[in-house]
C-alpha atoms as a PDB file:
ATOM      1  CA  MET A   1      52.755  36.019-138.324  1.00  0.00           C
ATOM      2  CA  GLY A   2      53.974  32.637-139.875  1.00  0.00           C
ATOM      3  CA  ALA A   3      53.506  31.274-143.314  1.00  0.00           C
ATOM      4  CA  ARG A   4      49.505  30.972-142.693  1.00  0.00           C
ATOM      5  CA  THR A   5      47.738  34.071-142.618  1.00  0.00           C
ATOM      6  CA  SER A   6      45.337  34.393-139.793  1.00  0.00           C
ATOM      7  CA  LEU A   7      42.129  34.912-140.768  1.00  0.00           C
ATOM      8  CA  TRP A   8      40.797  36.912-137.682  1.00  0.00           C
ATOM      9  CA  PRO A   9      42.909  39.716-137.801  1.00  0.00           C
ATOM     10  CA  LEU A  10      42.527  40.695-141.341  1.00  0.00           C
ATOM     11  CA  ALA A  11      38.990  40.466-141.079  1.00  0.00           C
ATOM     12  CA  MET A  12      38.849  42.930-138.223  1.00  0.00           C
ATOM     13  CA  VAL A  13      41.210  45.260-140.231  1.00  0.00           C
ATOM     14  CA  ALA A  14      38.448  45.159-143.056  1.00  0.00           C
ATOM     15  CA  ALA A  15      35.357  45.335-141.254  1.00  0.00           C
ATOM     16  CA  THR A  16      35.814  46.160-137.432  1.00  0.00           C
ATOM     17  CA  ALA A  17      38.291  48.756-138.092  1.00  0.00           C
ATOM     18  CA  ALA A  18      36.044  50.570-140.599  1.00  0.00           C
ATOM     19  CA  ALA A  19      33.497  51.108-138.012  1.00  0.00           C
ATOM     20  CA  CYS A  20      35.475  51.816-135.220  1.00  0.00           C
ATOM     21  CA  GLY A  21      37.735  54.687-136.648  1.00  0.00           C
ATOM     22  CA  GLY A  22      41.271  55.579-136.813  1.00  0.00           C
ATOM     23  CA  ALA A  23      43.832  58.075-138.435  1.00  0.00           C
ATOM     24  CA  SER A  24      43.257  59.444-141.810  1.00  0.00           C
ATOM     25  CA  GLY A  25      45.749  60.655-144.154  1.00  0.00           C
ATOM     26  CA  GLY A  26      45.026  64.022-145.231  1.00  0.00           C
ATOM     27  CA  GLY A  27      45.758  65.771-148.111  1.00  0.00           C
ATOM     28  CA  PRO A  28      45.386  69.070-150.299  1.00  0.00           C
ATOM     29  CA  ALA A  29      42.118  69.799-151.554  1.00  0.00           C
ATOM     30  CA  ASP A  30      43.017  71.069-154.556  1.00  0.00           C
ATOM     31  CA  ALA A  31      45.274  68.254-156.053  1.00  0.00           C
ATOM     32  CA  PRO A  32      45.265  68.223-159.782  1.00  0.00           C
ATOM     33  CA  ALA A  33      43.376  66.612-161.844  1.00  0.00           C
ATOM     34  CA  ILE A  34      44.376  63.526-164.063  1.00  0.00           C
ATOM     35  CA  ASP A  35      42.980  62.329-167.176  1.00  0.00           C
ATOM     36  CA  ALA A  36      39.771  60.423-166.016  1.00  0.00           C
ATOM     37  CA  VAL A  37      39.629  57.682-168.823  1.00  0.00           C
ATOM     38  CA  PRO A  38      35.928  56.257-169.388  1.00  0.00           C
ATOM     39  CA  VAL A  39      35.805  52.636-168.698  1.00  0.00           C
ATOM     40  CA  ASP A  40      33.584  50.462-171.363  1.00  0.00           C
ATOM     41  CA  ALA A  41      30.780  48.502-169.992  1.00  0.00           C
ATOM     42  CA  PRO A  42      30.479  45.070-170.634  1.00  0.00           C
ATOM     43  CA  PRO A  43      29.043  43.749-173.881  1.00  0.00           C
ATOM     44  CA  PRO A  44      25.143  43.597-173.611  1.00  0.00           C
ATOM     45  CA  GLY A  45      24.219  40.392-171.730  1.00  0.00           C
ATOM     46  CA  GLU A  46      27.480  39.746-170.342  1.00  0.00           C
ATOM     47  CA  PRO A  47      27.679  40.113-166.343  1.00  0.00           C
ATOM     48  CA  TRP A  48      30.061  42.653-164.979  1.00  0.00           C
ATOM     49  CA  PHE A  49      31.654  41.242-161.676  1.00  0.00           C
ATOM     50  CA  ASP A  50      34.378  42.939-159.947  1.00  0.00           C
ATOM     51  CA  GLU A  51      37.175  41.206-161.229  1.00  0.00           C
ATOM     52  CA  GLY A  52      40.699  42.277-161.533  1.00  0.00           C
ATOM     53  CA  LEU A  53      42.214  45.438-159.823  1.00  0.00           C
ATOM     54  CA  ARG A  54      40.016  48.472-159.126  1.00  0.00           C
ATOM     55  CA  ARG A  55      40.955  51.687-157.352  1.00  0.00           C
ATOM     56  CA  GLY A  56      37.763  52.474-155.476  1.00  0.00           C
ATOM     57  CA  ARG A  57      33.783  52.426-155.925  1.00  0.00           C
ATOM     58  CA  ILE A  58      30.948  54.394-155.405  1.00  0.00           C
ATOM     59  CA  GLU A  59      27.354  54.092-155.076  1.00  0.00           C
ATOM     60  CA  LEU A  60      24.051  56.437-154.624  1.00  0.00           C
ATOM     61  CA  VAL A  61      21.251  53.599-154.165  1.00  0.00           C
ATOM     62  CA  GLU A  62      17.587  54.235-153.112  1.00  0.00           C
ATOM     63  CA  LEU A  63      16.487  51.625-151.066  1.00  0.00           C
ATOM     64  CA  VAL A  64      12.980  51.151-152.040  1.00  0.00           C
ATOM     65  CA  GLU A  65      12.459  48.534-148.997  1.00  0.00           C
ATOM     66  CA  GLN A  66      14.583  47.332-146.073  1.00  0.00           C
ATOM     67  CA  ALA A  67      14.372  43.930-144.728  1.00  0.00           C
ATOM     68  CA  GLY A  68      12.524  44.211-141.219  1.00  0.00           C
ATOM     69  CA  PRO A  69      10.596  47.365-139.708  1.00  0.00           C
ATOM     70  CA  VAL A  70      12.675  50.155-141.526  1.00  0.00           C
ATOM     71  CA  GLY A  71      11.155  51.767-144.324  1.00  0.00           C
ATOM     72  CA  GLY A  72      12.683  53.312-147.467  1.00  0.00           C
ATOM     73  CA  ALA A  73      15.832  55.376-147.929  1.00  0.00           C
ATOM     74  CA  ALA A  74      18.688  56.835-149.670  1.00  0.00           C
ATOM     75  CA  LEU A  75      22.447  56.140-149.391  1.00  0.00           C
ATOM     76  CA  ALA A  76      25.570  57.801-150.830  1.00  0.00           C
ATOM     77  CA  HIS A  77      28.765  56.398-150.116  1.00  0.00           C
ATOM     78  CA  ALA A  78      32.088  55.360-151.723  1.00  0.00           C
ATOM     79  CA  VAL A  79      35.210  53.752-150.612  1.00  0.00           C
ATOM     80  CA  PHE A  80      39.035  53.868-151.968  1.00  0.00           C
ATOM     81  CA  ALA A  81      42.373  51.859-151.651  1.00  0.00           C
ATOM     82  CA  PRO A  82      45.453  53.471-151.919  1.00  0.00           C
ATOM     83  CA  GLN A  83      46.607  50.964-154.111  1.00  0.00           C
ATOM     84  CA  PRO A  84      44.155  48.879-156.906  1.00  0.00           C
ATOM     85  CA  THR A  85      42.881  45.786-155.359  1.00  0.00           C
ATOM     86  CA  ALA A  86      41.481  42.655-156.562  1.00  0.00           C
ATOM     87  CA  MET A  87      39.189  42.592-153.022  1.00  0.00           C
ATOM     88  CA  ARG A  88      35.712  43.490-153.677  1.00  0.00           C
ATOM     89  CA  PHE A  89      34.441  46.585-152.312  1.00  0.00           C
ATOM     90  CA  VAL A  90      31.217  46.038-150.320  1.00  0.00           C
ATOM     91  CA  PHE A  91      28.857  48.286-148.214  1.00  0.00           C
ATOM     92  CA  TYR A  92      26.430  47.057-145.848  1.00  0.00           C
ATOM     93  CA  ALA A  93      23.999  50.405-144.600  1.00  0.00           C
ATOM     94  CA  ARG A  94      26.787  52.840-143.743  1.00  0.00           C
ATOM     95  CA  VAL A  95      30.070  50.351-143.181  1.00  0.00           C
ATOM     96  CA  ALA A  96      32.367  49.838-146.320  1.00  0.00           C
ATOM     97  CA  VAL A  97      33.891  46.109-146.000  1.00  0.00           C
ATOM     98  CA  ARG A  98      36.437  44.680-148.853  1.00  0.00           C
ATOM     99  CA  HIS A  99      36.142  41.013-149.193  1.00  0.00           C
ATOM    100  CA  TRP A 100      38.306  38.257-150.845  1.00  0.00           C
ATOM    101  CA  GLN A 101      35.859  35.057-151.248  1.00  0.00           C
ATOM    102  CA  GLN A 102      36.832  32.838-154.001  1.00  0.00           C
ATOM    103  CA  GLU A 103      35.181  32.016-156.672  1.00  0.00           C
ATOM    104  CA  THR A 104      34.486  28.116-157.134  1.00  0.00           C
ATOM    105  CA  GLN A 105      31.555  28.295-159.833  1.00  0.00           C
ATOM    106  CA  ARG A 106      30.381  30.149-162.581  1.00  0.00           C
ATOM    107  CA  ALA A 107      27.345  29.485-164.623  1.00  0.00           C
ATOM    108  CA  GLY A 108      25.471  32.133-166.810  1.00  0.00           C
ATOM    109  CA  SER A 109      24.808  35.244-165.023  1.00  0.00           C
ATOM    110  CA  CYS A 110      25.788  34.198-161.608  1.00  0.00           C
ATOM    111  CA  ARG A 111      28.635  32.946-159.834  1.00  0.00           C
ATOM    112  CA  LEU A 112      29.431  31.256-156.428  1.00  0.00           C
ATOM    113  CA  LEU A 113      32.285  32.741-153.948  1.00  0.00           C
ATOM    114  CA  VAL A 114      32.980  30.940-150.912  1.00  0.00           C
ATOM    115  CA  HIS A 115      35.470  31.510-147.950  1.00  0.00           C
ATOM    116  CA  GLN A 116      38.395  29.239-148.435  1.00  0.00           C
ATOM    117  CA  PRO A 117      41.197  29.557-145.818  1.00  0.00           C
ATOM    118  CA  VAL A 118      44.548  29.695-148.118  1.00  0.00           C
ATOM    119  CA  PHE A 119      48.156  29.321-147.980  1.00  0.00           C
ATOM    120  CA  CYS A 120      51.072  31.645-148.922  1.00  0.00           C
ATOM    121  CA  SER A 121      54.572  30.720-147.965  1.00  0.00           C
ATOM    122  CA  ALA A 122      55.529  34.101-147.239  1.00  0.00           C
ATOM    123  CA  CYS A 123      52.712  37.007-146.705  1.00  0.00           C
ATOM    124  CA  ALA A 124      53.021  40.307-145.008  1.00  0.00           C
ATOM    125  CA  GLY A 125      49.435  40.574-145.693  1.00  0.00           C
ATOM    126  CA  ILE A 126      46.320  38.908-146.554  1.00  0.00           C
ATOM    127  CA  CYS A 127      46.894  35.711-148.398  1.00  0.00           C
ATOM    128  CA  VAL A 128      43.544  35.877-151.041  1.00  0.00           C
ATOM    129  CA  ALA A 129      44.294  32.955-152.755  1.00  0.00           C
ATOM    130  CA  PRO A 130      47.541  30.135-152.892  1.00  0.00           C
ATOM    131  CA  GLU A 131      50.587  31.925-153.316  1.00  0.00           C
ATOM    132  CA  VAL A 132      48.555  35.464-153.892  1.00  0.00           C
ATOM    133  CA  CYS A 133      49.630  37.949-151.419  1.00  0.00           C
ATOM    134  CA  GLU A 134      47.728  41.527-151.162  1.00  0.00           C
ATOM    135  CA  PRO A 135      48.673  44.430-148.636  1.00  0.00           C
ATOM    136  CA  TYR A 136      46.446  44.455-145.570  1.00  0.00           C
ATOM    137  CA  PRO A 137      43.330  46.504-146.441  1.00  0.00           C
ATOM    138  CA  ASP A 138      43.767  49.736-146.257  1.00  0.00           C
ATOM    139  CA  TYR A 139      41.765  52.749-147.220  1.00  0.00           C
ATOM    140  CA  ALA A 140      42.668  56.237-149.172  1.00  0.00           C
ATOM    141  CA  SER A 141      40.991  59.422-149.184  1.00  0.00           C
ATOM    142  CA  ALA A 142      40.056  61.395-152.796  1.00  0.00           C
ATOM    143  CA  GLY A 143      39.120  64.447-151.095  1.00  0.00           C
ATOM    144  CA  ALA A 144      35.528  65.995-151.042  1.00  0.00           C
ATOM    145  CA  LEU A 145      33.457  64.228-152.988  1.00  0.00           C
ATOM    146  CA  THR A 146      30.088  66.133-154.347  1.00  0.00           C
ATOM    147  CA  TRP A 147      27.275  64.062-156.024  1.00  0.00           C
ATOM    148  CA  ASP A 148      25.449  66.370-158.506  1.00  0.00           C
ATOM    149  CA  GLY A 149      22.140  65.642-160.444  1.00  0.00           C
ATOM    150  CA  LEU A 150      19.762  65.268-157.057  1.00  0.00           C
ATOM    151  CA  ARG A 151      16.909  66.401-156.653  1.00  0.00           C
ATOM    152  CA  GLY A 152      17.617  68.540-154.018  1.00  0.00           C
ATOM    153  CA  PRO A 153      21.323  70.646-153.763  1.00  0.00           C
ATOM    154  CA  PRO A 154      24.441  68.783-154.544  1.00  0.00           C
ATOM    155  CA  LEU A 155      25.509  66.751-151.546  1.00  0.00           C
ATOM    156  CA  THR A 156      29.193  66.700-150.334  1.00  0.00           C
ATOM    157  CA  LEU A 157      30.832  64.198-148.368  1.00  0.00           C
ATOM    158  CA  GLN A 158      33.961  64.522-146.433  1.00  0.00           C
ATOM    159  CA  PRO A 159      35.689  60.941-145.514  1.00  0.00           C
ATOM    160  CA  ASN A 160      36.002  59.656-142.507  1.00  0.00           C
ATOM    161  CA  PRO A 161      38.784  57.932-141.510  1.00  0.00           C
ATOM    162  CA  TYR A 162      38.229  54.692-143.706  1.00  0.00           C
ATOM    163  CA  PHE A 163      35.043  55.812-146.290  1.00  0.00           C
ATOM    164  CA  TYR A 164      32.376  58.410-147.460  1.00  0.00           C
ATOM    165  CA  ALA A 165      28.955  58.032-146.269  1.00  0.00           C
ATOM    166  CA  SER A 166      25.523  60.120-145.921  1.00  0.00           C
ATOM    167  CA  GLN A 167      24.192  60.114-142.394  1.00  0.00           C
ATOM    168  CA  GLY A 168      20.704  60.443-141.229  1.00  0.00           C
ATOM    169  CA  ALA A 169      18.443  62.738-143.385  1.00  0.00           C
ATOM    170  CA  GLN A 170      20.918  63.932-145.817  1.00  0.00           C
ATOM    171  CA  LEU A 171      19.149  62.332-148.586  1.00  0.00           C
ATOM    172  CA  PRO A 172      15.099  62.048-149.325  1.00  0.00           C
ATOM    173  CA  VAL A 173      13.816  58.647-150.177  1.00  0.00           C
ATOM    174  CA  ASP A 174      13.354  59.587-153.635  1.00  0.00           C
ATOM    175  CA  ALA A 175      16.715  61.393-153.881  1.00  0.00           C
ATOM    176  CA  VAL A 176      16.919  61.074-157.887  1.00  0.00           C
ATOM    177  CA  ALA A 177      14.727  61.603-160.510  1.00  0.00           C
ATOM    178  CA  ASP A 178      14.396  58.734-162.864  1.00  0.00           C
ATOM    179  CA  ASP A 179      15.792  60.115-166.006  1.00  0.00           C
ATOM    180  CA  ALA A 180      18.615  62.259-164.192  1.00  0.00           C
ATOM    181  CA  THR A 181      22.338  61.850-164.709  1.00  0.00           C
ATOM    182  CA  VAL A 182      24.422  61.607-161.334  1.00  0.00           C
ATOM    183  CA  THR A 183      27.913  63.080-161.349  1.00  0.00           C
ATOM    184  CA  VAL A 184      30.370  62.770-158.417  1.00  0.00           C
ATOM    185  CA  THR A 185      33.121  64.763-158.540  1.00  0.00           C
ATOM    186  CA  ALA A 186      36.372  64.184-156.296  1.00  0.00           C
ATOM    187  CA  THR A 187      38.822  67.073-155.695  1.00  0.00           C
ATOM    188  CA  GLY A 188      41.384  64.678-154.894  1.00  0.00           C
ATOM    189  CA  ASP A 189      44.216  63.283-152.284  1.00  0.00           C
ATOM    190  CA  GLN A 190      45.799  60.156-152.010  1.00  0.00           C
ATOM    191  CA  VAL A 191      43.608  59.043-155.080  1.00  0.00           C
ATOM    192  CA  PRO A 192      43.737  61.711-157.698  1.00  0.00           C
ATOM    193  CA  ALA A 193      41.048  64.254-158.844  1.00  0.00           C
ATOM    194  CA  PHE A 194      38.506  62.990-161.123  1.00  0.00           C
ATOM    195  CA  VAL A 195      34.980  63.200-162.342  1.00  0.00           C
ATOM    196  CA  VAL A 196      32.513  59.980-163.288  1.00  0.00           C
ATOM    197  CA  ALA A 197      28.969  59.806-164.256  1.00  0.00           C
ATOM    198  CA  ALA A 198      26.073  57.508-164.525  1.00  0.00           C
ATOM    199  CA  GLY A 199      22.412  57.692-165.325  1.00  0.00           C
ATOM    200  CA  ALA A 200      19.758  57.118-162.779  1.00  0.00           C
ATOM    201  CA  VAL A 201      16.957  54.362-162.927  1.00  0.00           C
ATOM    202  CA  ALA A 202      13.182  54.000-161.933  1.00  0.00           C
ATOM    203  CA  PRO A 203      12.588  52.469-158.830  1.00  0.00           C
ATOM    204  CA  LEU A 204      12.576  48.619-158.496  1.00  0.00           C
ATOM    205  CA  ALA A 205       8.730  47.696-158.427  1.00  0.00           C
ATOM    206  CA  LEU A 206       7.589  45.319-155.797  1.00  0.00           C
ATOM    207  CA  PRO A 207       6.809  42.747-155.410  1.00  0.00           C
ATOM    208  CA  VAL A 208      10.067  40.503-156.374  1.00  0.00           C
ATOM    209  CA  ALA A 209       8.939  36.929-156.492  1.00  0.00           C
ATOM    210  CA  PRO A 210       9.533  34.474-154.827  1.00  0.00           C
ATOM    211  CA  ILE A 211      10.766  36.676-151.922  1.00  0.00           C
ATOM    212  CA  THR A 212       8.080  36.936-149.255  1.00  0.00           C
ATOM    213  CA  ASP A 213       7.579  38.496-145.662  1.00  0.00           C
ATOM    214  CA  ASP A 214      11.104  39.980-146.498  1.00  0.00           C
ATOM    215  CA  THR A 215      12.886  36.433-146.961  1.00  0.00           C
ATOM    216  CA  LEU A 216      13.836  34.578-149.790  1.00  0.00           C
ATOM    217  CA  ARG A 217      13.833  30.711-149.160  1.00  0.00           C
ATOM    218  CA  LEU A 218      16.661  28.213-150.401  1.00  0.00           C
ATOM    219  CA  ASP A 219      15.693  24.725-150.300  1.00  0.00           C
ATOM    220  CA  GLY A 220      18.217  23.322-152.737  1.00  0.00           C
ATOM    221  CA  GLY A 221      17.733  20.628-155.556  1.00  0.00           C
ATOM    222  CA  ALA A 222      16.466  23.104-158.136  1.00  0.00           C
ATOM    223  CA  ASP A 223      16.929  26.260-159.553  1.00  0.00           C
ATOM    224  CA  VAL A 224      15.546  29.603-158.454  1.00  0.00           C
ATOM    225  CA  THR A 225      14.309  32.307-160.641  1.00  0.00           C
ATOM    226  CA  LEU A 226      13.323  35.603-159.067  1.00  0.00           C
ATOM    227  CA  ARG A 227      11.172  37.825-161.201  1.00  0.00           C
ATOM    228  CA  TRP A 228      10.129  41.494-161.338  1.00  0.00           C
ATOM    229  CA  THR A 229       8.711  44.304-163.309  1.00  0.00           C
ATOM    230  CA  PRO A 230      11.570  45.540-166.060  1.00  0.00           C
ATOM    231  CA  VAL A 231      11.552  49.041-167.403  1.00  0.00           C
ATOM    232  CA  ASP A 232      12.901  48.376-170.964  1.00  0.00           C
ATOM    233  CA  PRO A 233      14.054  45.133-171.658  1.00  0.00           C
ATOM    234  CA  LEU A 234      16.128  46.561-174.684  1.00  0.00           C
ATOM    235  CA  ASP A 235      18.000  48.975-173.066  1.00  0.00           C
ATOM    236  CA  PRO A 236      21.385  47.797-172.677  1.00  0.00           C
ATOM    237  CA  THR A 237      22.362  50.043-169.560  1.00  0.00           C
ATOM    238  CA  LEU A 238      19.723  48.931-167.416  1.00  0.00           C
ATOM    239  CA  ARG A 239      21.151  46.012-165.190  1.00  0.00           C
ATOM    240  CA  VAL A 240      19.978  44.002-162.144  1.00  0.00           C
ATOM    241  CA  ARG A 241      22.327  42.736-159.698  1.00  0.00           C
ATOM    242  CA  VAL A 242      21.798  40.073-156.926  1.00  0.00           C
ATOM    243  CA  ALA A 243      23.873  39.472-153.899  1.00  0.00           C
ATOM    244  CA  ILE A 244      22.943  36.565-151.906  1.00  0.00           C
ATOM    245  CA  ASN A 245      24.976  36.458-148.461  1.00  0.00           C
ATOM    246  CA  ALA A 246      25.530  33.290-146.184  1.00  0.00           C
ATOM    247  CA  ASN A 247      26.357  33.873-142.422  1.00  0.00           C
ATOM    248  CA  ASN A 248      29.635  34.794-141.099  1.00  0.00           C
ATOM    249  CA  MET A 249      31.430  32.762-138.365  1.00  0.00           C
ATOM    250  CA  GLY A 250      31.963  35.562-135.759  1.00  0.00           C
ATOM    251  CA  HIS A 251      32.183  39.728-135.837  1.00  0.00           C
ATOM    252  CA  GLY A 252      34.725  40.678-138.348  1.00  0.00           C
ATOM    253  CA  ASN A 253      34.939  37.487-140.160  1.00  0.00           C
ATOM    254  CA  PRO A 254      34.026  36.766-143.876  1.00  0.00           C
ATOM    255  CA  TYR A 255      30.640  35.839-144.727  1.00  0.00           C
ATOM    256  CA  ALA A 256      31.059  31.742-145.823  1.00  0.00           C
ATOM    257  CA  ALA A 257      29.683  32.481-149.375  1.00  0.00           C
ATOM    258  CA  VAL A 258      27.977  34.798-151.700  1.00  0.00           C
ATOM    259  CA  ILE A 259      26.287  34.203-154.658  1.00  0.00           C
ATOM    260  CA  GLU A 260      26.462  37.167-157.243  1.00  0.00           C
ATOM    261  CA  CYS A 261      24.300  37.476-160.229  1.00  0.00           C
ATOM    262  CA  ASP A 262      24.161  40.256-162.689  1.00  0.00           C
ATOM    263  CA  ALA A 263      22.044  40.446-165.947  1.00  0.00           C
ATOM    264  CA  ALA A 264      20.261  42.458-168.180  1.00  0.00           C
ATOM    265  CA  ASP A 265      16.838  44.212-166.908  1.00  0.00           C
ATOM    266  CA  VAL A 266      14.738  41.674-168.553  1.00  0.00           C
ATOM    267  CA  GLY A 267      12.357  40.966-165.489  1.00  0.00           C
ATOM    268  CA  ALA A 268      13.766  37.342-164.659  1.00  0.00           C
ATOM    269  CA  LEU A 269      16.947  36.062-163.478  1.00  0.00           C
ATOM    270  CA  THR A 270      17.941  32.304-162.508  1.00  0.00           C
ATOM    271  CA  ILE A 271      20.085  30.993-159.587  1.00  0.00           C
ATOM    272  CA  PRO A 272      21.459  27.577-160.737  1.00  0.00           C
ATOM    273  CA  ALA A 273      20.221  24.646-158.437  1.00  0.00           C
ATOM    274  CA  ALA A 274      24.094  23.522-158.194  1.00  0.00           C
ATOM    275  CA  MET A 275      24.975  26.962-156.695  1.00  0.00           C
ATOM    276  CA  ILE A 276      22.477  26.547-154.156  1.00  0.00           C
ATOM    277  CA  ASP A 277      23.173  23.163-153.354  1.00  0.00           C
ATOM    278  CA  ALA A 278      26.932  24.287-152.423  1.00  0.00           C
ATOM    279  CA  PHE A 279      25.694  27.445-150.454  1.00  0.00           C
ATOM    280  CA  PRO A 280      26.181  26.636-146.622  1.00  0.00           C
ATOM    281  CA  PRO A 281      22.947  26.904-144.124  1.00  0.00           C
ATOM    282  CA  THR A 282      21.750  30.237-143.458  1.00  0.00           C
ATOM    283  CA  ALA A 283      19.812  31.596-140.981  1.00  0.00           C
ATOM    284  CA  ARG A 284      17.412  35.252-140.650  1.00  0.00           C
ATOM    285  CA  LEU A 285      19.544  37.019-138.329  1.00  0.00           C
ATOM    286  CA  GLU A 286      18.000  40.308-137.213  1.00  0.00           C
ATOM    287  CA  VAL A 287      20.094  41.370-134.566  1.00  0.00           C
ATOM    288  CA  CYS A 288      23.717  41.782-134.754  1.00  0.00           C
ATOM    289  CA  GLU A 289      27.065  44.003-135.428  1.00  0.00           C
ATOM    290  CA  GLY A 290      27.723  46.100-138.284  1.00  0.00           C
ATOM    291  CA  SER A 291      27.858  43.905-141.102  1.00  0.00           C
ATOM    292  CA  ASP A 292      27.839  40.637-139.614  1.00  0.00           C
ATOM    293  CA  CYS A 293      24.252  39.868-140.563  1.00  0.00           C
ATOM    294  CA  PRO A 294      24.369  41.258-143.929  1.00  0.00           C
ATOM    295  CA  ARG A 295      20.976  41.455-145.766  1.00  0.00           C
ATOM    296  CA  SER A 296      20.850  40.330-149.422  1.00  0.00           C
ATOM    297  CA  THR A 297      19.935  42.401-152.076  1.00  0.00           C
ATOM    298  CA  ILE A 298      18.532  42.810-155.431  1.00  0.00           C
ATOM    299  CA  THR A 299      19.743  46.485-157.340  1.00  0.00           C
ATOM    300  CA  ARG A 300      18.486  47.909-160.492  1.00  0.00           C
ATOM    301  CA  TYR A 301      21.239  49.901-161.552  1.00  0.00           C
ATOM    302  CA  ARG A 302      23.446  51.681-164.255  1.00  0.00           C
ATOM    303  CA  ARG A 303      26.958  52.277-164.112  1.00  0.00           C
ATOM    304  CA  GLY A 304      29.706  54.837-165.010  1.00  0.00           C
ATOM    305  CA  ALA A 305      33.435  54.212-164.622  1.00  0.00           C
ATOM    306  CA  VAL A 306      36.893  56.080-164.984  1.00  0.00           C
ATOM    307  CA  GLU A 307      40.193  54.744-164.654  1.00  0.00           C
ATOM    308  CA  VAL A 308      42.050  56.585-161.856  1.00  0.00           C
ATOM    309  CA  GLY A 309      45.369  56.002-161.070  1.00  0.00           C
ATOM    310  CA  GLY A 310      45.804  52.846-163.250  1.00  0.00           C
ATOM    311  CA  ALA A 311      42.577  51.484-161.902  1.00  0.00           C
ATOM    312  CA  PRO A 312      38.781  51.786-162.433  1.00  0.00           C
ATOM    313  CA  VAL A 313      36.780  53.902-160.007  1.00  0.00           C
ATOM    314  CA  ASP A 314      33.226  52.605-160.425  1.00  0.00           C
ATOM    315  CA  LEU A 315      29.740  54.801-159.935  1.00  0.00           C
ATOM    316  CA  VAL A 316      26.671  52.746-159.336  1.00  0.00           C
ATOM    317  CA  VAL A 317      23.334  54.676-159.193  1.00  0.00           C
ATOM    318  CA  GLY A 318      20.395  52.288-158.298  1.00  0.00           C
ATOM    319  CA  SER A 319      17.242  51.270-156.648  1.00  0.00           C
ATOM    320  CA  ARG A 320      17.731  48.230-154.039  1.00  0.00           C
ATOM    321  CA  LEU A 321      15.478  45.806-152.196  1.00  0.00           C
ATOM    322  CA  GLU A 322      16.994  44.039-149.285  1.00  0.00           C
ATOM    323  CA  PHE A 323      15.992  41.194-147.756  1.00  0.00           C
ATOM    324  CA  PHE A 324      17.155  37.708-145.894  1.00  0.00           C
ATOM    325  CA  VAL A 325      18.073  34.430-147.011  1.00  0.00           C
ATOM    326  CA  VAL A 326      17.308  31.162-145.188  1.00  0.00           C
ATOM    327  CA  ARG A 327      19.011  27.802-146.485  1.00  0.00           C
ATOM    328  CA  PRO A 328      17.812  25.230-144.290  1.00  0.00           C
END
């Protein structure tokens, strides 16, 4: 491939392959459990970002409103890596993607990540930063995953060749009681067996200002403050996370930029003007392939995490609003 890693093939591995299928690595359903070590949450008020090596991510998210004509829904999904990775695990609808944009700004509870082609003198994988090489994205099975603590019976999912995702009406719109504890149990496979739990949250009440008509407009030149109704501003376990996604440059390619903000659920979160000014032009795109025109999101959540195979696996239980972003 040469010294400079090609971005198109690696994007296709991370996104398109996940949507198109392939061979999976099977393993025993009764793989022995390991000592799953709880991972501490960040101190109250400190943002939680996907930094450092991680082994996997699990989500159970109730969509209170989706951008476009589709109504509310609930999704359960998960993705694991055979070796811990510094890439971020991201879900769009029922597709799992691993991202490697680089952080270029950080202020308060927000950071800006930008896709920047980088150089590695020798890399048989993905050059994620200057002279930092990661193996090509691969996916691992943790055996059967069972979600307990739902309003209905437990939900058990088997992995497809790349990730786990509930389908159709497997989960009701209001899948979890506000005061429930959701427990996810993995029987083990390439990723050892583990158990992780997190508390549920009250639905994210609408409206969220200044989002109108499913759209957040970012004109630049000034801060933008999102406002919503909090549940309990004194509860440090309740958090709100915002992901503002730019468009990408073609099917399977990384998003040009992402603004991530993570803060306590106090009812307001400010995106700095400097990050908005650096955010690339972004259009409202409603018809496209898989994760190529991602909705942006705001999610109220609680998080649990355990150390599995030397790196954390995160469980997020939340309530989410999807919206479009326009940056002229």
